Amino acid sequence: MKIEKKFAGKWVAIKNEKVVESDNTLTRLSKKTETRKDKKSLYFMLVPNGLIAG
């Protein structure tokens, strides 16, 4: 899975290997996604800052 540079240092919600939402804090990201019908199929991850190779 490739994540764009603009998400560095942010929390992201991912579904089917694509970022569907992002925010600076997990709390705000959770609030953004709590009304989604597919919220059980999302997973959350903190994208590290800096150079990532993969």
PDB file of N, CA and C in Angstrom:
ATOM      1  N   MET A   1       0.849  -1.172   0.000  1.00  0.00           N
ATOM      2  CA  MET A   1       0.000   0.000   0.000  1.00  0.00           C
ATOM      3  C   MET A   1       0.892   1.232   0.000  1.00  0.00           C
ATOM      4  N   LYS A   2       0.582   2.178  -0.844  1.00  0.00           N
ATOM      5  CA  LYS A   2       1.342   3.412  -0.933  1.00  0.00           C
ATOM      6  C   LYS A   2       0.498   4.551  -0.367  1.00  0.00           C
ATOM      7  N   ILE A   3       1.081   5.323   0.545  1.00  0.00           N
ATOM      8  CA  ILE A   3       0.388   6.450   1.154  1.00  0.00           C
ATOM      9  C   ILE A   3       1.073   7.732   0.706  1.00  0.00           C
ATOM     10  N   GLU A   4       0.279   8.696   0.309  1.00  0.00           N
ATOM     11  CA  GLU A   4       0.822   9.953  -0.207  1.00  0.00           C
ATOM     12  C   GLU A   4       1.576  10.727   0.865  1.00  0.00           C
ATOM     13  N   LYS A   5       2.518  11.543   0.420  1.00  0.00           N
ATOM     14  CA  LYS A   5       3.370  12.335   1.304  1.00  0.00           C
ATOM     15  C   LYS A   5       2.563  13.320   2.156  1.00  0.00           C
ATOM     16  N   LYS A   6       1.418  13.771   1.650  1.00  0.00           N
ATOM     17  CA  LYS A   6       0.612  14.762   2.373  1.00  0.00           C
ATOM     18  C   LYS A   6       0.047  14.213   3.685  1.00  0.00           C
ATOM     19  N   PHE A   7       0.053  12.891   3.872  1.00  0.00           N
ATOM     20  CA  PHE A   7      -0.459  12.281   5.089  1.00  0.00           C
ATOM     21  C   PHE A   7       0.623  12.047   6.143  1.00  0.00           C
ATOM     22  N   ALA A   8       1.847  12.443   5.869  1.00  0.00           N
ATOM     23  CA  ALA A   8       2.948  12.238   6.819  1.00  0.00           C
ATOM     24  C   ALA A   8       2.660  12.950   8.135  1.00  0.00           C
ATOM     25  N   GLY A   9       2.788  12.216   9.239  1.00  0.00           N
ATOM     26  CA  GLY A   9       2.553  12.766  10.565  1.00  0.00           C
ATOM     27  C   GLY A   9       1.094  12.825  10.961  1.00  0.00           C
ATOM     28  N   LYS A  10       0.205  12.252  10.167  1.00  0.00           N
ATOM     29  CA  LYS A  10      -1.234  12.289  10.453  1.00  0.00           C
ATOM     30  C   LYS A  10      -1.785  10.889  10.693  1.00  0.00           C
ATOM     31  N   TRP A  11      -2.934  10.847  11.337  1.00  0.00           N
ATOM     32  CA  TRP A  11      -3.698   9.609  11.485  1.00  0.00           C
ATOM     33  C   TRP A  11      -4.564   9.449  10.248  1.00  0.00           C
ATOM     34  N   VAL A  12      -4.652   8.245   9.734  1.00  0.00           N
ATOM     35  CA  VAL A  12      -5.473   7.973   8.561  1.00  0.00           C
ATOM     36  C   VAL A  12      -6.406   6.800   8.820  1.00  0.00           C
ATOM     37  N   ALA A  13      -7.569   6.849   8.179  1.00  0.00           N
ATOM     38  CA  ALA A  13      -8.510   5.732   8.178  1.00  0.00           C
ATOM     39  C   ALA A  13      -8.395   5.086   6.806  1.00  0.00           C
ATOM     40  N   ILE A  14      -8.200   3.776   6.791  1.00  0.00           N
ATOM     41  CA  ILE A  14      -7.935   3.065   5.544  1.00  0.00           C
ATOM     42  C   ILE A  14      -8.992   1.991   5.314  1.00  0.00           C
ATOM     43  N   LYS A  15      -9.428   1.900   4.052  1.00  0.00           N
ATOM     44  CA  LYS A  15     -10.347   0.853   3.627  1.00  0.00           C
ATOM     45  C   LYS A  15      -9.918   0.408   2.237  1.00  0.00           C
ATOM     46  N   ASN A  16      -9.820  -0.891   2.039  1.00  0.00           N
ATOM     47  CA  ASN A  16      -9.416  -1.457   0.740  1.00  0.00           C
ATOM     48  C   ASN A  16      -8.115  -0.840   0.229  1.00  0.00           C
ATOM     49  N   GLU A  17      -7.156  -0.669   1.142  1.00  0.00           N
ATOM     50  CA  GLU A  17      -5.832  -0.129   0.824  1.00  0.00           C
ATOM     51  C   GLU A  17      -5.860   1.301   0.290  1.00  0.00           C
ATOM     52  N   LYS A  18      -6.903   2.058   0.646  1.00  0.00           N
ATOM     53  CA  LYS A  18      -7.000   3.467   0.259  1.00  0.00           C
ATOM     54  C   LYS A  18      -7.349   4.313   1.478  1.00  0.00           C
ATOM     55  N   VAL A  19      -6.768   5.506   1.540  1.00  0.00           N
ATOM     56  CA  VAL A  19      -7.065   6.433   2.631  1.00  0.00           C
ATOM     57  C   VAL A  19      -8.423   7.063   2.360  1.00  0.00           C
ATOM     58  N   VAL A  20      -9.345   6.941   3.327  1.00  0.00           N
ATOM     59  CA  VAL A  20     -10.684   7.507   3.157  1.00  0.00           C
ATOM     60  C   VAL A  20     -10.885   8.770   3.994  1.00  0.00           C
ATOM     61  N   GLU A  21     -10.130   8.934   5.083  1.00  0.00           N
ATOM     62  CA  GLU A  21     -10.176  10.123   5.940  1.00  0.00           C
ATOM     63  C   GLU A  21      -8.819  10.301   6.590  1.00  0.00           C
ATOM     64  N   SER A  22      -8.530  11.535   7.014  1.00  0.00           N
ATOM     65  CA  SER A  22      -7.301  11.784   7.763  1.00  0.00           C
ATOM     66  C   SER A  22      -7.503  12.968   8.697  1.00  0.00           C
ATOM     67  N   ASP A  23      -6.682  13.016   9.745  1.00  0.00           N
ATOM     68  CA  ASP A  23      -6.702  14.137  10.683  1.00  0.00           C
ATOM     69  C   ASP A  23      -5.418  14.090  11.504  1.00  0.00           C
ATOM     70  N   ASN A  24      -5.167  15.172  12.228  1.00  0.00           N
ATOM     71  CA  ASN A  24      -3.952  15.253  13.043  1.00  0.00           C
ATOM     72  C   ASN A  24      -4.035  14.423  14.316  1.00  0.00           C
ATOM     73  N   THR A  25      -5.243  14.193  14.824  1.00  0.00           N
ATOM     74  CA  THR A  25      -5.394  13.401  16.044  1.00  0.00           C
ATOM     75  C   THR A  25      -6.347  12.234  15.808  1.00  0.00           C
ATOM     76  N   LEU A  26      -6.123  11.177  16.554  1.00  0.00           N
ATOM     77  CA  LEU A  26      -6.980  10.000  16.437  1.00  0.00           C
ATOM     78  C   LEU A  26      -8.392  10.307  16.924  1.00  0.00           C
ATOM     79  N   THR A  27      -8.511  11.148  17.932  1.00  0.00           N
ATOM     80  CA  THR A  27      -9.831  11.507  18.466  1.00  0.00           C
ATOM     81  C   THR A  27     -10.687  12.190  17.406  1.00  0.00           C
ATOM     82  N   ARG A  28     -10.123  13.173  16.719  1.00  0.00           N
ATOM     83  CA  ARG A  28     -10.893  13.876  15.678  1.00  0.00           C
ATOM     84  C   ARG A  28     -11.175  12.967  14.487  1.00  0.00           C
ATOM     85  N   LEU A  29     -10.235  12.092  14.153  1.00  0.00           N
ATOM     86  CA  LEU A  29     -10.459  11.151  13.052  1.00  0.00           C
ATOM     87  C   LEU A  29     -11.587  10.181  13.401  1.00  0.00           C
ATOM     88  N   SER A  30     -11.623   9.722  14.631  1.00  0.00           N
ATOM     89  CA  SER A  30     -12.690   8.822  15.067  1.00  0.00           C
ATOM     90  C   SER A  30     -14.053   9.497  14.970  1.00  0.00           C
ATOM     91  N   LYS A  31     -14.111  10.767  15.345  1.00  0.00           N
ATOM     92  CA  LYS A  31     -15.372  11.507  15.253  1.00  0.00           C
ATOM     93  C   LYS A  31     -15.808  11.680  13.801  1.00  0.00           C
ATOM     94  N   LYS A  32     -14.845  11.887  12.904  1.00  0.00           N
ATOM     95  CA  LYS A  32     -15.164  12.035  11.486  1.00  0.00           C
ATOM     96  C   LYS A  32     -15.748  10.753  10.896  1.00  0.00           C
ATOM     97  N   THR A  33     -15.287   9.607  11.379  1.00  0.00           N
ATOM     98  CA  THR A  33     -15.680   8.339  10.784  1.00  0.00           C
ATOM     99  C   THR A  33     -16.799   7.623  11.531  1.00  0.00           C
ATOM    100  N   GLU A  34     -17.233   8.128  12.675  1.00  0.00           N
ATOM    101  CA  GLU A  34     -18.212   7.389  13.476  1.00  0.00           C
ATOM    102  C   GLU A  34     -19.583   7.263  12.823  1.00  0.00           C
ATOM    103  N   THR A  35     -19.920   8.122  11.877  1.00  0.00           N
ATOM    104  CA  THR A  35     -21.231   8.041  11.228  1.00  0.00           C
ATOM    105  C   THR A  35     -21.207   7.243   9.916  1.00  0.00           C
ATOM    106  N   ARG A  36     -20.047   6.759   9.535  1.00  0.00           N
ATOM    107  CA  ARG A  36     -19.950   5.971   8.302  1.00  0.00           C
ATOM    108  C   ARG A  36     -20.585   4.610   8.480  1.00  0.00           C
ATOM    109  N   LYS A  37     -21.273   4.136   7.462  1.00  0.00           N
ATOM    110  CA  LYS A  37     -21.897   2.813   7.512  1.00  0.00           C
ATOM    111  C   LYS A  37     -20.857   1.699   7.462  1.00  0.00           C
ATOM    112  N   ASP A  38     -19.688   1.993   6.883  1.00  0.00           N
ATOM    113  CA  ASP A  38     -18.638   0.987   6.748  1.00  0.00           C
ATOM    114  C   ASP A  38     -17.553   1.109   7.821  1.00  0.00           C
ATOM    115  N   LYS A  39     -17.877   1.735   8.945  1.00  0.00           N
ATOM    116  CA  LYS A  39     -16.855   2.018   9.959  1.00  0.00           C
ATOM    117  C   LYS A  39     -16.214   0.752  10.530  1.00  0.00           C
ATOM    118  N   LYS A  40     -16.908  -0.367  10.507  1.00  0.00           N
ATOM    119  CA  LYS A  40     -16.329  -1.607  11.033  1.00  0.00           C
ATOM    120  C   LYS A  40     -15.258  -2.175  10.108  1.00  0.00           C
ATOM    121  N   SER A  41     -15.234  -1.757   8.862  1.00  0.00           N
ATOM    122  CA  SER A  41     -14.229  -2.266   7.931  1.00  0.00           C
ATOM    123  C   SER A  41     -13.035  -1.317   7.786  1.00  0.00           C
ATOM    124  N   LEU A  42     -13.011  -0.235   8.562  1.00  0.00           N
ATOM    125  CA  LEU A  42     -11.893   0.712   8.526  1.00  0.00           C
ATOM    126  C   LEU A  42     -10.826   0.304   9.523  1.00  0.00           C
ATOM    127  N   TYR A  43      -9.588   0.614   9.198  1.00  0.00           N
ATOM    128  CA  TYR A  43      -8.558   0.505  10.220  1.00  0.00           C
ATOM    129  C   TYR A  43      -7.759   1.793  10.241  1.00  0.00           C
ATOM    130  N   PHE A  44      -7.235   2.121  11.415  1.00  0.00           N
ATOM    131  CA  PHE A  44      -6.572   3.398  11.654  1.00  0.00           C
ATOM    132  C   PHE A  44      -5.080   3.186  11.829  1.00  0.00           C
ATOM    133  N   MET A  45      -4.330   4.176  11.356  1.00  0.00           N
ATOM    134  CA  MET A  45      -2.883   4.063  11.425  1.00  0.00           C
ATOM    135  C   MET A  45      -2.263   5.456  11.465  1.00  0.00           C
ATOM    136  N   LEU A  46      -1.192   5.596  12.217  1.00  0.00           N
ATOM    137  CA  LEU A  46      -0.435   6.836  12.256  1.00  0.00           C
ATOM    138  C   LEU A  46       0.684   6.732  11.230  1.00  0.00           C
ATOM    139  N   VAL A  47       0.694   7.653  10.281  1.00  0.00           N
ATOM    140  CA  VAL A  47       1.717   7.656   9.240  1.00  0.00           C
ATOM    141  C   VAL A  47       2.941   8.401   9.799  1.00  0.00           C
ATOM    142  N   PRO A  48       4.101   7.767   9.828  1.00  0.00           N
ATOM    143  CA  PRO A  48       5.277   8.429  10.383  1.00  0.00           C
ATOM    144  C   PRO A  48       5.741   9.612   9.538  1.00  0.00           C
ATOM    145  N   ASN A  49       6.356  10.584  10.206  1.00  0.00           N
ATOM    146  CA  ASN A  49       6.958  11.711   9.521  1.00  0.00           C
ATOM    147  C   ASN A  49       8.310  11.271   8.951  1.00  0.00           C
ATOM    148  N   GLY A  50       8.742  11.920   7.915  1.00  0.00           N
ATOM    149  CA  GLY A  50      10.076  11.632   7.396  1.00  0.00           C
ATOM    150  C   GLY A  50      10.060  10.681   6.210  1.00  0.00           C
ATOM    151  N   LEU A  51      11.245  10.228   5.866  1.00  0.00           N
ATOM    152  CA  LEU A  51      11.435   9.382   4.693  1.00  0.00           C
ATOM    153  C   LEU A  51      10.950   7.959   4.956  1.00  0.00           C
ATOM    154  N   ILE A  52      10.130   7.471   4.068  1.00  0.00           N
ATOM    155  CA  ILE A  52       9.639   6.102   4.156  1.00  0.00           C
ATOM    156  C   ILE A  52       9.981   5.407   2.847  1.00  0.00           C
ATOM    157  N   ALA A  53      10.575   4.255   2.924  1.00  0.00           N
ATOM    158  CA  ALA A  53      10.888   3.494   1.710  1.00  0.00           C
ATOM    159  C   ALA A  53      10.181   2.153   1.790  1.00  0.00           C
ATOM    160  N   GLY A  54       9.711   1.695   0.656  1.00  0.00           N
ATOM    161  CA  GLY A  54       9.044   0.401   0.714  1.00  0.00           C
ATOM    162  C   GLY A  54       8.784  -0.176  -0.624  1.00  0.00           C
TER     163      GLY A  54
END
